[in-house]
């Protein structure tokens, strides 16, 4: 048996409308969260840019997951922000970048996409 309050609610606001509103609210919340994360990443990138070539090389060669996970994430975001990657059709190629565990793996996956585009 359904609760009388629930029955009254359904008369005024059908289940389809409740479901639609819930989905839209979840989408809005997800978009806001994405925007917050992206803004934080951008601020951190501006606060701590890699200052010279040797620091970039050190990041790639001596990557320490415990200390540099945020930098790896920022590298992936920067690559995904490129139109070449946004427009690339193969989700498998993009997946390689997303799942890369080191900066070198990210760059190698990116290089594969570049090679495909240049053929």
PDB file of N, CA and C in Angstrom:
ATOM      1  N   UNK A   1       0.835  -1.190   0.000  1.00  0.00           N
ATOM      2  CA  UNK A   1       0.000   0.000   0.000  1.00  0.00           C
ATOM      3  C   UNK A   1       0.876   1.250   0.000  1.00  0.00           C
ATOM      4  N   UNK A   2       0.436   2.196  -0.777  1.00  0.00           N
ATOM      5  CA  UNK A   2       1.174   3.442  -0.861  1.00  0.00           C
ATOM      6  C   UNK A   2       0.719   4.412   0.222  1.00  0.00           C
ATOM      7  N   UNK A   3       1.660   5.149   0.710  1.00  0.00           N
ATOM      8  CA  UNK A   3       1.393   6.172   1.710  1.00  0.00           C
ATOM      9  C   UNK A   3       0.487   7.238   1.091  1.00  0.00           C
ATOM     10  N   UNK A   4      -0.519   7.709   1.832  1.00  0.00           N
ATOM     11  CA  UNK A   4      -1.439   8.730   1.298  1.00  0.00           C
ATOM     12  C   UNK A   4      -0.715  10.018   0.893  1.00  0.00           C
ATOM     13  N   UNK A   5       0.318  10.374   1.623  1.00  0.00           N
ATOM     14  CA  UNK A   5       1.076  11.585   1.264  1.00  0.00           C
ATOM     15  C   UNK A   5       1.767  11.414  -0.088  1.00  0.00           C
ATOM     16  N   UNK A   6       2.276  10.196  -0.317  1.00  0.00           N
ATOM     17  CA  UNK A   6       2.927   9.904  -1.588  1.00  0.00           C
ATOM     18  C   UNK A   6       1.907   9.965  -2.729  1.00  0.00           C
ATOM     19  N   UNK A   7       0.723   9.400  -2.500  1.00  0.00           N
ATOM     20  CA  UNK A   7      -0.331   9.445  -3.513  1.00  0.00           C
ATOM     21  C   UNK A   7      -0.696  10.886  -3.861  1.00  0.00           C
ATOM     22  N   UNK A   8      -0.803  11.736  -2.848  1.00  0.00           N
ATOM     23  CA  UNK A   8      -1.148  13.149  -3.070  1.00  0.00           C
ATOM     24  C   UNK A   8      -0.035  13.840  -3.870  1.00  0.00           C
ATOM     25  N   UNK A   9       1.207  13.523  -3.532  1.00  0.00           N
ATOM     26  CA  UNK A   9       2.334  14.112  -4.254  1.00  0.00           C
ATOM     27  C   UNK A   9       2.302  13.715  -5.729  1.00  0.00           C
ATOM     28  N   UNK A  10       2.053  12.446  -5.999  1.00  0.00           N
ATOM     29  CA  UNK A  10       2.034  11.941  -7.376  1.00  0.00           C
ATOM     30  C   UNK A  10       0.904  12.580  -8.180  1.00  0.00           C
ATOM     31  N   UNK A  11      -0.196  12.879  -7.531  1.00  0.00           N
ATOM     32  CA  UNK A  11      -1.295  13.554  -8.242  1.00  0.00           C
ATOM     33  C   UNK A  11      -0.857  14.942  -8.715  1.00  0.00           C
ATOM     34  N   UNK A  12      -0.100  15.642  -7.891  1.00  0.00           N
ATOM     35  CA  UNK A  12       0.327  16.996  -8.229  1.00  0.00           C
ATOM     36  C   UNK A  12       1.593  17.016  -9.098  1.00  0.00           C
ATOM     37  N   UNK A  13       2.444  16.035  -8.893  1.00  0.00           N
ATOM     38  CA  UNK A  13       3.748  16.012  -9.542  1.00  0.00           C
ATOM     39  C   UNK A  13       4.048  14.574  -9.970  1.00  0.00           C
ATOM     40  N   UNK A  14       3.760  14.199 -11.216  1.00  0.00           N
ATOM     41  CA  UNK A  14       3.890  12.804 -11.673  1.00  0.00           C
ATOM     42  C   UNK A  14       5.322  12.258 -11.527  1.00  0.00           C
ATOM     43  N   UNK A  15       5.431  10.931 -11.452  1.00  0.00           N
ATOM     44  CA  UNK A  15       6.723  10.262 -11.286  1.00  0.00           C
ATOM     45  C   UNK A  15       7.708  10.636 -12.401  1.00  0.00           C
ATOM     46  N   UNK A  16       7.220  10.741 -13.618  1.00  0.00           N
ATOM     47  CA  UNK A  16       8.095  11.103 -14.740  1.00  0.00           C
ATOM     48  C   UNK A  16       8.725  12.477 -14.497  1.00  0.00           C
ATOM     49  N   UNK A  17       7.924  13.390 -13.976  1.00  0.00           N
ATOM     50  CA  UNK A  17       8.426  14.745 -13.703  1.00  0.00           C
ATOM     51  C   UNK A  17       9.443  14.716 -12.556  1.00  0.00           C
ATOM     52  N   UNK A  18       9.185  13.894 -11.534  1.00  0.00           N
ATOM     53  CA  UNK A  18      10.130  13.751 -10.421  1.00  0.00           C
ATOM     54  C   UNK A  18      11.456  13.181 -10.944  1.00  0.00           C
ATOM     55  N   UNK A  19      11.362  12.155 -11.773  1.00  0.00           N
ATOM     56  CA  UNK A  19      12.555  11.541 -12.336  1.00  0.00           C
ATOM     57  C   UNK A  19      13.327  12.539 -13.194  1.00  0.00           C
ATOM     58  N   UNK A  20      12.626  13.264 -14.040  1.00  0.00           N
ATOM     59  CA  UNK A  20      13.255  14.260 -14.914  1.00  0.00           C
ATOM     60  C   UNK A  20      13.955  15.341 -14.095  1.00  0.00           C
ATOM     61  N   UNK A  21      13.304  15.813 -13.054  1.00  0.00           N
ATOM     62  CA  UNK A  21      13.890  16.843 -12.194  1.00  0.00           C
ATOM     63  C   UNK A  21      15.133  16.327 -11.480  1.00  0.00           C
ATOM     64  N   UNK A  22      15.082  15.086 -11.038  1.00  0.00           N
ATOM     65  CA  UNK A  22      16.222  14.489 -10.345  1.00  0.00           C
ATOM     66  C   UNK A  22      17.419  14.351 -11.280  1.00  0.00           C
ATOM     67  N   UNK A  23      17.182  13.882 -12.486  1.00  0.00           N
ATOM     68  CA  UNK A  23      18.262  13.739 -13.466  1.00  0.00           C
ATOM     69  C   UNK A  23      18.875  15.104 -13.776  1.00  0.00           C
ATOM     70  N   UNK A  24      18.035  16.100 -13.975  1.00  0.00           N
ATOM     71  CA  UNK A  24      18.543  17.436 -14.287  1.00  0.00           C
ATOM     72  C   UNK A  24      19.345  18.009 -13.123  1.00  0.00           C
ATOM     73  N   UNK A  25      18.871  17.808 -11.904  1.00  0.00           N
ATOM     74  CA  UNK A  25      19.597  18.288 -10.724  1.00  0.00           C
ATOM     75  C   UNK A  25      20.962  17.610 -10.634  1.00  0.00           C
ATOM     76  N   UNK A  26      20.998  16.314 -10.893  1.00  0.00           N
ATOM     77  CA  UNK A  26      22.270  15.588 -10.847  1.00  0.00           C
ATOM     78  C   UNK A  26      23.234  16.082 -11.923  1.00  0.00           C
ATOM     79  N   UNK A  27      22.722  16.366 -13.121  1.00  0.00           N
ATOM     80  CA  UNK A  27      23.566  16.900 -14.190  1.00  0.00           C
ATOM     81  C   UNK A  27      24.136  18.257 -13.794  1.00  0.00           C
ATOM     82  N   UNK A  28      23.290  19.109 -13.240  1.00  0.00           N
ATOM     83  CA  UNK A  28      23.735  20.442 -12.816  1.00  0.00           C
ATOM     84  C   UNK A  28      24.812  20.346 -11.743  1.00  0.00           C
ATOM     85  N   UNK A  29      24.607  19.452 -10.789  1.00  0.00           N
ATOM     86  CA  UNK A  29      25.579  19.270  -9.717  1.00  0.00           C
ATOM     87  C   UNK A  29      26.898  18.754 -10.279  1.00  0.00           C
ATOM     88  N   UNK A  30      26.828  17.785 -11.182  1.00  0.00           N
ATOM     89  CA  UNK A  30      28.030  17.234 -11.807  1.00  0.00           C
ATOM     90  C   UNK A  30      28.786  18.330 -12.566  1.00  0.00           C
ATOM     91  N   UNK A  31      28.069  19.154 -13.328  1.00  0.00           N
ATOM     92  CA  UNK A  31      28.711  20.232 -14.092  1.00  0.00           C
ATOM     93  C   UNK A  31      29.378  21.241 -13.170  1.00  0.00           C
ATOM     94  N   UNK A  32      28.719  21.586 -12.067  1.00  0.00           N
ATOM     95  CA  UNK A  32      29.306  22.529 -11.106  1.00  0.00           C
ATOM     96  C   UNK A  32      30.569  21.940 -10.479  1.00  0.00           C
ATOM     97  N   UNK A  33      30.515  20.664 -10.129  1.00  0.00           N
ATOM     98  CA  UNK A  33      31.680  20.008  -9.543  1.00  0.00           C
ATOM     99  C   UNK A  33      32.836  19.983 -10.540  1.00  0.00           C
ATOM    100  N   UNK A  34      32.554  19.660 -11.784  1.00  0.00           N
ATOM    101  CA  UNK A  34      33.598  19.675 -12.825  1.00  0.00           C
ATOM    102  C   UNK A  34      34.219  21.061 -12.955  1.00  0.00           C
ATOM    103  N   UNK A  35      33.395  22.078 -12.919  1.00  0.00           N
ATOM    104  CA  UNK A  35      33.884  23.444 -13.050  1.00  0.00           C
ATOM    105  C   UNK A  35      34.787  23.809 -11.868  1.00  0.00           C
ATOM    106  N   UNK A  36      34.403  23.405 -10.682  1.00  0.00           N
ATOM    107  CA  UNK A  36      35.218  23.679  -9.492  1.00  0.00           C
ATOM    108  C   UNK A  36      36.570  22.990  -9.597  1.00  0.00           C
ATOM    109  N   UNK A  37      36.550  21.720  -9.988  1.00  0.00           N
ATOM    110  CA  UNK A  37      37.804  20.959 -10.127  1.00  0.00           C
ATOM    111  C   UNK A  37      38.690  21.603 -11.188  1.00  0.00           C
ATOM    112  N   UNK A  38      38.122  21.935 -12.340  1.00  0.00           N
ATOM    113  CA  UNK A  38      38.911  22.554 -13.411  1.00  0.00           C
ATOM    114  C   UNK A  38      39.513  23.886 -12.968  1.00  0.00           C
ATOM    115  N   UNK A  39      38.736  24.683 -12.244  1.00  0.00           N
ATOM    116  CA  UNK A  39      39.247  25.965 -11.746  1.00  0.00           C
ATOM    117  C   UNK A  39      40.399  25.754 -10.773  1.00  0.00           C
ATOM    118  N   UNK A  40      40.286  24.758  -9.903  1.00  0.00           N
ATOM    119  CA  UNK A  40      41.358  24.457  -8.950  1.00  0.00           C
ATOM    120  C   UNK A  40      42.629  24.012  -9.682  1.00  0.00           C
ATOM    121  N   UNK A  41      42.450  23.165 -10.672  1.00  0.00           N
ATOM    122  CA  UNK A  41      43.609  22.683 -11.429  1.00  0.00           C
ATOM    123  C   UNK A  41      44.290  23.850 -12.135  1.00  0.00           C
ATOM    124  N   UNK A  42      43.518  24.716 -12.739  1.00  0.00           N
ATOM    125  CA  UNK A  42      44.090  25.875 -13.434  1.00  0.00           C
ATOM    126  C   UNK A  42      44.852  26.769 -12.476  1.00  0.00           C
ATOM    127  N   UNK A  43      44.286  27.007 -11.291  1.00  0.00           N
ATOM    128  CA  UNK A  43      44.963  27.849 -10.304  1.00  0.00           C
ATOM    129  C   UNK A  43      46.283  27.221  -9.869  1.00  0.00           C
ATOM    130  N   UNK A  44      46.274  25.908  -9.644  1.00  0.00           N
ATOM    131  CA  UNK A  44      47.506  25.239  -9.222  1.00  0.00           C
ATOM    132  C   UNK A  44      48.547  25.247 -10.322  1.00  0.00           C
ATOM    133  N   UNK A  45      48.089  25.119 -11.553  1.00  0.00           N
ATOM    134  CA  UNK A  45      49.034  25.159 -12.672  1.00  0.00           C
ATOM    135  C   UNK A  45      49.698  26.535 -12.747  1.00  0.00           C
ATOM    136  N   UNK A  46      48.947  27.573 -12.470  1.00  0.00           N
ATOM    137  CA  UNK A  46      49.498  28.930 -12.513  1.00  0.00           C
ATOM    138  C   UNK A  46      50.413  29.174 -11.320  1.00  0.00           C
ATOM    139  N   UNK A  47      50.056  28.585 -10.165  1.00  0.00           N
ATOM    140  CA  UNK A  47      50.849  28.786  -8.953  1.00  0.00           C
ATOM    141  C   UNK A  47      52.194  28.069  -8.999  1.00  0.00           C
ATOM    142  N   UNK A  48      52.217  26.879  -9.633  1.00  0.00           N
ATOM    143  CA  UNK A  48      53.438  26.075  -9.636  1.00  0.00           C
ATOM    144  C   UNK A  48      53.802  25.618 -11.044  1.00  0.00           C
ATOM    145  N   UNK A  49      54.090  26.535 -11.935  1.00  0.00           N
ATOM    146  CA  UNK A  49      54.481  26.082 -13.279  1.00  0.00           C
ATOM    147  C   UNK A  49      55.870  25.448 -13.240  1.00  0.00           C
ATOM    148  N   UNK A  50      56.083  24.521 -14.129  1.00  0.00           N
ATOM    149  CA  UNK A  50      57.431  23.932 -14.222  1.00  0.00           C
ATOM    150  C   UNK A  50      58.332  25.004 -14.808  1.00  0.00           C
ATOM    151  N   UNK A  51      59.352  25.358 -14.049  1.00  0.00           N
ATOM    152  CA  UNK A  51      60.099  26.557 -14.376  1.00  0.00           C
ATOM    153  C   UNK A  51      61.174  26.371 -15.434  1.00  0.00           C
ATOM    154  N   UNK A  52      61.690  25.183 -15.576  1.00  0.00           N
ATOM    155  CA  UNK A  52      62.731  25.032 -16.583  1.00  0.00           C
ATOM    156  C   UNK A  52      62.766  23.614 -17.126  1.00  0.00           C
ATOM    157  N   UNK A  53      63.550  23.466 -18.150  1.00  0.00           N
ATOM    158  CA  UNK A  53      63.619  22.186 -18.856  1.00  0.00           C
ATOM    159  C   UNK A  53      64.023  21.041 -17.938  1.00  0.00           C
ATOM    160  N   UNK A  54      64.975  21.256 -17.064  1.00  0.00           N
ATOM    161  CA  UNK A  54      65.450  20.162 -16.212  1.00  0.00           C
ATOM    162  C   UNK A  54      64.366  19.686 -15.260  1.00  0.00           C
ATOM    163  N   UNK A  55      63.491  20.575 -14.820  1.00  0.00           N
ATOM    164  CA  UNK A  55      62.401  20.132 -13.941  1.00  0.00           C
ATOM    165  C   UNK A  55      61.394  19.288 -14.720  1.00  0.00           C
ATOM    166  N   UNK A  56      61.205  19.604 -15.998  1.00  0.00           N
ATOM    167  CA  UNK A  56      60.317  18.800 -16.844  1.00  0.00           C
ATOM    168  C   UNK A  56      60.907  17.414 -17.056  1.00  0.00           C
ATOM    169  N   UNK A  57      62.183  17.378 -17.375  1.00  0.00           N
ATOM    170  CA  UNK A  57      62.863  16.097 -17.580  1.00  0.00           C
ATOM    171  C   UNK A  57      62.831  15.287 -16.286  1.00  0.00           C
ATOM    172  N   UNK A  58      63.088  15.925 -15.170  1.00  0.00           N
ATOM    173  CA  UNK A  58      63.055  15.237 -13.877  1.00  0.00           C
ATOM    174  C   UNK A  58      61.662  14.673 -13.602  1.00  0.00           C
ATOM    175  N   UNK A  59      60.645  15.431 -13.914  1.00  0.00           N
ATOM    176  CA  UNK A  59      59.259  14.974 -13.740  1.00  0.00           C
ATOM    177  C   UNK A  59      59.004  13.713 -14.562  1.00  0.00           C
ATOM    178  N   UNK A  60      59.500  13.683 -15.792  1.00  0.00           N
ATOM    179  CA  UNK A  60      59.262  12.539 -16.676  1.00  0.00           C
ATOM    180  C   UNK A  60      60.100  11.326 -16.256  1.00  0.00           C
ATOM    181  N   UNK A  61      61.363  11.543 -15.981  1.00  0.00           N
ATOM    182  CA  UNK A  61      62.261  10.428 -15.707  1.00  0.00           C
ATOM    183  C   UNK A  61      62.153   9.912 -14.275  1.00  0.00           C
ATOM    184  N   UNK A  62      62.010  10.820 -13.332  1.00  0.00           N
ATOM    185  CA  UNK A  62      62.008  10.427 -11.910  1.00  0.00           C
ATOM    186  C   UNK A  62      60.636  10.583 -11.279  1.00  0.00           C
ATOM    187  N   UNK A  63      59.598  10.310 -12.036  1.00  0.00           N
ATOM    188  CA  UNK A  63      58.231  10.478 -11.546  1.00  0.00           C
ATOM    189  C   UNK A  63      58.004   9.691 -10.257  1.00  0.00           C
ATOM    190  N   UNK A  64      57.456  10.377  -9.255  1.00  0.00           N
ATOM    191  CA  UNK A  64      57.119   9.762  -7.965  1.00  0.00           C
ATOM    192  C   UNK A  64      55.615   9.911  -7.767  1.00  0.00           C
ATOM    193  N   UNK A  65      54.908   8.803  -7.886  1.00  0.00           N
ATOM    194  CA  UNK A  65      53.440   8.827  -7.826  1.00  0.00           C
ATOM    195  C   UNK A  65      52.926   9.478  -6.544  1.00  0.00           C
ATOM    196  N   UNK A  66      53.588   9.210  -5.435  1.00  0.00           N
ATOM    197  CA  UNK A  66      53.126   9.745  -4.148  1.00  0.00           C
ATOM    198  C   UNK A  66      53.257  11.256  -4.076  1.00  0.00           C
ATOM    199  N   UNK A  67      54.276  11.797  -4.718  1.00  0.00           N
ATOM    200  CA  UNK A  67      54.534  13.237  -4.635  1.00  0.00           C
ATOM    201  C   UNK A  67      53.991  14.021  -5.830  1.00  0.00           C
ATOM    202  N   UNK A  68      53.839  13.363  -6.982  1.00  0.00           N
ATOM    203  CA  UNK A  68      53.542  14.108  -8.209  1.00  0.00           C
ATOM    204  C   UNK A  68      52.260  13.676  -8.918  1.00  0.00           C
ATOM    205  N   UNK A  69      51.365  13.026  -8.198  1.00  0.00           N
ATOM    206  CA  UNK A  69      50.115  12.562  -8.816  1.00  0.00           C
ATOM    207  C   UNK A  69      49.303  13.736  -9.372  1.00  0.00           C
ATOM    208  N   UNK A  70      49.298  14.855  -8.657  1.00  0.00           N
ATOM    209  CA  UNK A  70      48.542  16.026  -9.138  1.00  0.00           C
ATOM    210  C   UNK A  70      49.130  16.574 -10.426  1.00  0.00           C
ATOM    211  N   UNK A  71      50.455  16.574 -10.529  1.00  0.00           N
ATOM    212  CA  UNK A  71      51.096  17.057 -11.749  1.00  0.00           C
ATOM    213  C   UNK A  71      50.786  16.146 -12.932  1.00  0.00           C
ATOM    214  N   UNK A  72      50.730  14.837 -12.670  1.00  0.00           N
ATOM    215  CA  UNK A  72      50.366  13.895 -13.733  1.00  0.00           C
ATOM    216  C   UNK A  72      48.943  14.170 -14.208  1.00  0.00           C
ATOM    217  N   UNK A  73      48.037  14.386 -13.257  1.00  0.00           N
ATOM    218  CA  UNK A  73      46.656  14.703 -13.595  1.00  0.00           C
ATOM    219  C   UNK A  73      46.592  15.999 -14.412  1.00  0.00           C
ATOM    220  N   UNK A  74      47.361  16.993 -14.006  1.00  0.00           N
ATOM    221  CA  UNK A  74      47.382  18.271 -14.725  1.00  0.00           C
ATOM    222  C   UNK A  74      47.912  18.080 -16.146  1.00  0.00           C
ATOM    223  N   UNK A  75      48.910  17.222 -16.319  1.00  0.00           N
ATOM    224  CA  UNK A  75      49.444  16.928 -17.654  1.00  0.00           C
ATOM    225  C   UNK A  75      48.355  16.315 -18.528  1.00  0.00           C
ATOM    226  N   UNK A  76      47.631  15.367 -17.978  1.00  0.00           N
ATOM    227  CA  UNK A  76      46.548  14.730 -18.733  1.00  0.00           C
ATOM    228  C   UNK A  76      45.491  15.758 -19.128  1.00  0.00           C
ATOM    229  N   UNK A  77      45.120  16.629 -18.193  1.00  0.00           N
ATOM    230  CA  UNK A  77      44.125  17.666 -18.502  1.00  0.00           C
ATOM    231  C   UNK A  77      44.613  18.576 -19.622  1.00  0.00           C
ATOM    232  N   UNK A  78      45.872  18.950 -19.541  1.00  0.00           N
ATOM    233  CA  UNK A  78      46.432  19.841 -20.561  1.00  0.00           C
ATOM    234  C   UNK A  78      46.381  19.185 -21.936  1.00  0.00           C
ATOM    235  N   UNK A  79      46.679  17.904 -21.999  1.00  0.00           N
ATOM    236  CA  UNK A  79      46.637  17.194 -23.274  1.00  0.00           C
ATOM    237  C   UNK A  79      45.197  17.066 -23.772  1.00  0.00           C
ATOM    238  N   UNK A  80      44.276  16.751 -22.875  1.00  0.00           N
ATOM    239  CA  UNK A  80      42.878  16.617 -23.280  1.00  0.00           C
ATOM    240  C   UNK A  80      42.260  17.958 -23.672  1.00  0.00           C
ATOM    241  N   UNK A  81      42.900  19.038 -23.312  1.00  0.00           N
ATOM    242  CA  UNK A  81      42.399  20.364 -23.666  1.00  0.00           C
ATOM    243  C   UNK A  81      42.758  20.738 -25.107  1.00  0.00           C
ATOM    244  N   UNK A  82      43.661  19.997 -25.718  1.00  0.00           N
ATOM    245  CA  UNK A  82      44.075  20.274 -27.097  1.00  0.00           C
ATOM    246  C   UNK A  82      42.981  19.836 -28.070  1.00  0.00           C
ATOM    247  N   UNK A  83      42.719  20.647 -29.064  1.00  0.00           N
ATOM    248  CA  UNK A  83      41.685  20.337 -30.056  1.00  0.00           C
ATOM    249  C   UNK A  83      41.978  19.033 -30.787  1.00  0.00           C
ATOM    250  N   UNK A  84      43.247  18.756 -31.027  1.00  0.00           N
ATOM    251  CA  UNK A  84      43.630  17.516 -31.697  1.00  0.00           C
ATOM    252  C   UNK A  84      43.079  16.301 -30.936  1.00  0.00           C
ATOM    253  N   UNK A  85      43.151  16.337 -29.627  1.00  0.00           N
ATOM    254  CA  UNK A  85      42.664  15.230 -28.799  1.00  0.00           C
ATOM    255  C   UNK A  85      41.138  15.289 -28.699  1.00  0.00           C
ATOM    256  N   UNK A  86      40.601  16.466 -28.516  1.00  0.00           N
ATOM    257  CA  UNK A  86      39.141  16.607 -28.429  1.00  0.00           C
ATOM    258  C   UNK A  86      38.473  16.055 -29.688  1.00  0.00           C
ATOM    259  N   UNK A  87      39.091  16.303 -30.849  1.00  0.00           N
ATOM    260  CA  UNK A  87      38.500  15.905 -32.123  1.00  0.00           C
ATOM    261  C   UNK A  87      38.852  14.470 -32.528  1.00  0.00           C
ATOM    262  N   UNK A  88      39.771  13.862 -31.812  1.00  0.00           N
ATOM    263  CA  UNK A  88      40.214  12.497 -32.157  1.00  0.00           C
ATOM    264  C   UNK A  88      39.072  11.514 -31.911  1.00  0.00           C
ATOM    265  N   UNK A  89      38.834  10.637 -32.868  1.00  0.00           N
ATOM    266  CA  UNK A  89      37.668   9.744 -32.822  1.00  0.00           C
ATOM    267  C   UNK A  89      37.856   8.513 -31.936  1.00  0.00           C
ATOM    268  N   UNK A  90      39.067   8.017 -31.814  1.00  0.00           N
ATOM    269  CA  UNK A  90      39.299   6.746 -31.114  1.00  0.00           C
ATOM    270  C   UNK A  90      39.284   6.913 -29.595  1.00  0.00           C
ATOM    271  N   UNK A  91      38.268   6.338 -28.979  1.00  0.00           N
ATOM    272  CA  UNK A  91      38.196   6.362 -27.519  1.00  0.00           C
ATOM    273  C   UNK A  91      39.265   5.472 -26.899  1.00  0.00           C
ATOM    274  N   UNK A  92      39.685   4.442 -27.623  1.00  0.00           N
ATOM    275  CA  UNK A  92      40.742   3.557 -27.118  1.00  0.00           C
ATOM    276  C   UNK A  92      42.050   4.326 -26.964  1.00  0.00           C
ATOM    277  N   UNK A  93      42.358   5.181 -27.945  1.00  0.00           N
ATOM    278  CA  UNK A  93      43.581   5.985 -27.862  1.00  0.00           C
ATOM    279  C   UNK A  93      43.508   6.955 -26.681  1.00  0.00           C
ATOM    280  N   UNK A  94      42.354   7.575 -26.508  1.00  0.00           N
ATOM    281  CA  UNK A  94      42.174   8.505 -25.395  1.00  0.00           C
ATOM    282  C   UNK A  94      42.238   7.766 -24.056  1.00  0.00           C
ATOM    283  N   UNK A  95      41.741   6.554 -24.052  1.00  0.00           N
ATOM    284  CA  UNK A  95      41.753   5.729 -22.836  1.00  0.00           C
ATOM    285  C   UNK A  95      43.188   5.475 -22.371  1.00  0.00           C
ATOM    286  N   UNK A  96      44.101   5.298 -23.325  1.00  0.00           N
ATOM    287  CA  UNK A  96      45.512   5.080 -22.979  1.00  0.00           C
ATOM    288  C   UNK A  96      46.064   6.270 -22.193  1.00  0.00           C
ATOM    289  N   UNK A  97      45.665   7.462 -22.601  1.00  0.00           N
ATOM    290  CA  UNK A  97      46.119   8.663 -21.883  1.00  0.00           C
ATOM    291  C   UNK A  97      45.505   8.683 -20.492  1.00  0.00           C
ATOM    292  N   UNK A  98      44.192   8.447 -20.420  1.00  0.00           N
ATOM    293  CA  UNK A  98      43.506   8.482 -19.122  1.00  0.00           C
ATOM    294  C   UNK A  98      44.085   7.478 -18.135  1.00  0.00           C
ATOM    295  N   UNK A  99      44.443   6.299 -18.626  1.00  0.00           N
ATOM    296  CA  UNK A  99      44.889   5.229 -17.737  1.00  0.00           C
ATOM    297  C   UNK A  99      46.402   5.199 -17.527  1.00  0.00           C
ATOM    298  N   UNK A 100      47.114   6.100 -18.169  1.00  0.00           N
ATOM    299  CA  UNK A 100      48.570   6.135 -18.020  1.00  0.00           C
ATOM    300  C   UNK A 100      48.946   6.376 -16.558  1.00  0.00           C
ATOM    301  N   UNK A 101      49.976   5.681 -16.128  1.00  0.00           N
ATOM    302  CA  UNK A 101      50.398   5.762 -14.731  1.00  0.00           C
ATOM    303  C   UNK A 101      51.635   6.641 -14.533  1.00  0.00           C
ATOM    304  N   UNK A 102      52.270   7.029 -15.631  1.00  0.00           N
ATOM    305  CA  UNK A 102      53.464   7.879 -15.556  1.00  0.00           C
ATOM    306  C   UNK A 102      53.375   8.957 -16.636  1.00  0.00           C
ATOM    307  N   UNK A 103      54.139  10.037 -16.468  1.00  0.00           N
ATOM    308  CA  UNK A 103      54.163  11.071 -17.511  1.00  0.00           C
ATOM    309  C   UNK A 103      54.657  10.522 -18.849  1.00  0.00           C
ATOM    310  N   UNK A 104      55.618   9.609 -18.798  1.00  0.00           N
ATOM    311  CA  UNK A 104      56.135   9.032 -20.037  1.00  0.00           C
ATOM    312  C   UNK A 104      55.043   8.268 -20.773  1.00  0.00           C
ATOM    313  N   UNK A 105      54.236   7.495 -20.061  1.00  0.00           N
ATOM    314  CA  UNK A 105      53.127   6.767 -20.690  1.00  0.00           C
ATOM    315  C   UNK A 105      52.129   7.742 -21.311  1.00  0.00           C
ATOM    316  N   UNK A 106      51.866   8.847 -20.622  1.00  0.00           N
ATOM    317  CA  UNK A 106      50.949   9.861 -21.158  1.00  0.00           C
ATOM    318  C   UNK A 106      51.494  10.415 -22.466  1.00  0.00           C
ATOM    319  N   UNK A 107      52.769  10.765 -22.461  1.00  0.00           N
ATOM    320  CA  UNK A 107      53.376  11.355 -23.650  1.00  0.00           C
ATOM    321  C   UNK A 107      53.479  10.359 -24.806  1.00  0.00           C
ATOM    322  N   UNK A 108      53.735   9.107 -24.493  1.00  0.00           N
ATOM    323  CA  UNK A 108      53.783   8.091 -25.549  1.00  0.00           C
ATOM    324  C   UNK A 108      52.402   7.889 -26.181  1.00  0.00           C
ATOM    325  N   UNK A 109      51.364   7.856 -25.353  1.00  0.00           N
ATOM    326  CA  UNK A 109      50.003   7.717 -25.882  1.00  0.00           C
ATOM    327  C   UNK A 109      49.638   8.938 -26.726  1.00  0.00           C
ATOM    328  N   UNK A 110      50.032  10.111 -26.262  1.00  0.00           N
ATOM    329  CA  UNK A 110      49.794  11.350 -27.016  1.00  0.00           C
ATOM    330  C   UNK A 110      50.549  11.309 -28.348  1.00  0.00           C
ATOM    331  N   UNK A 111      51.774  10.816 -28.313  1.00  0.00           N
ATOM    332  CA  UNK A 111      52.591  10.710 -29.523  1.00  0.00           C
ATOM    333  C   UNK A 111      51.939   9.790 -30.549  1.00  0.00           C
ATOM    334  N   UNK A 112      51.350   8.691 -30.096  1.00  0.00           N
ATOM    335  CA  UNK A 112      50.658   7.770 -31.006  1.00  0.00           C
ATOM    336  C   UNK A 112      49.517   8.478 -31.735  1.00  0.00           C
ATOM    337  N   UNK A 113      48.775   9.294 -31.004  1.00  0.00           N
ATOM    338  CA  UNK A 113      47.664  10.039 -31.618  1.00  0.00           C
ATOM    339  C   UNK A 113      48.209  11.033 -32.637  1.00  0.00           C
ATOM    340  N   UNK A 114      49.298  11.721 -32.275  1.00  0.00           N
ATOM    341  CA  UNK A 114      49.911  12.663 -33.218  1.00  0.00           C
ATOM    342  C   UNK A 114      50.332  11.966 -34.499  1.00  0.00           C
ATOM    343  N   UNK A 115      50.964  10.808 -34.365  1.00  0.00           N
ATOM    344  CA  UNK A 115      51.409  10.054 -35.542  1.00  0.00           C
ATOM    345  C   UNK A 115      50.228   9.661 -36.432  1.00  0.00           C
ATOM    346  N   UNK A 116      49.127   9.233 -35.811  1.00  0.00           N
ATOM    347  CA  UNK A 116      47.945   8.862 -36.586  1.00  0.00           C
ATOM    348  C   UNK A 116      47.387  10.063 -37.341  1.00  0.00           C
ATOM    349  N   UNK A 117      47.403  11.224 -36.710  1.00  0.00           N
ATOM    350  CA  UNK A 117      46.856  12.420 -37.334  1.00  0.00           C
ATOM    351  C   UNK A 117      47.741  12.905 -38.490  1.00  0.00           C
ATOM    352  N   UNK A 118      49.032  12.642 -38.389  1.00  0.00           N
ATOM    353  CA  UNK A 118      49.968  13.124 -39.404  1.00  0.00           C
ATOM    354  C   UNK A 118      50.095  12.196 -40.607  1.00  0.00           C
ATOM    355  N   UNK A 119      49.409  11.062 -40.579  1.00  0.00           N
ATOM    356  CA  UNK A 119      49.474  10.123 -41.710  1.00  0.00           C
ATOM    357  C   UNK A 119      48.624  10.569 -42.851  1.00  0.00           C
TER     358      UNK A 119
END
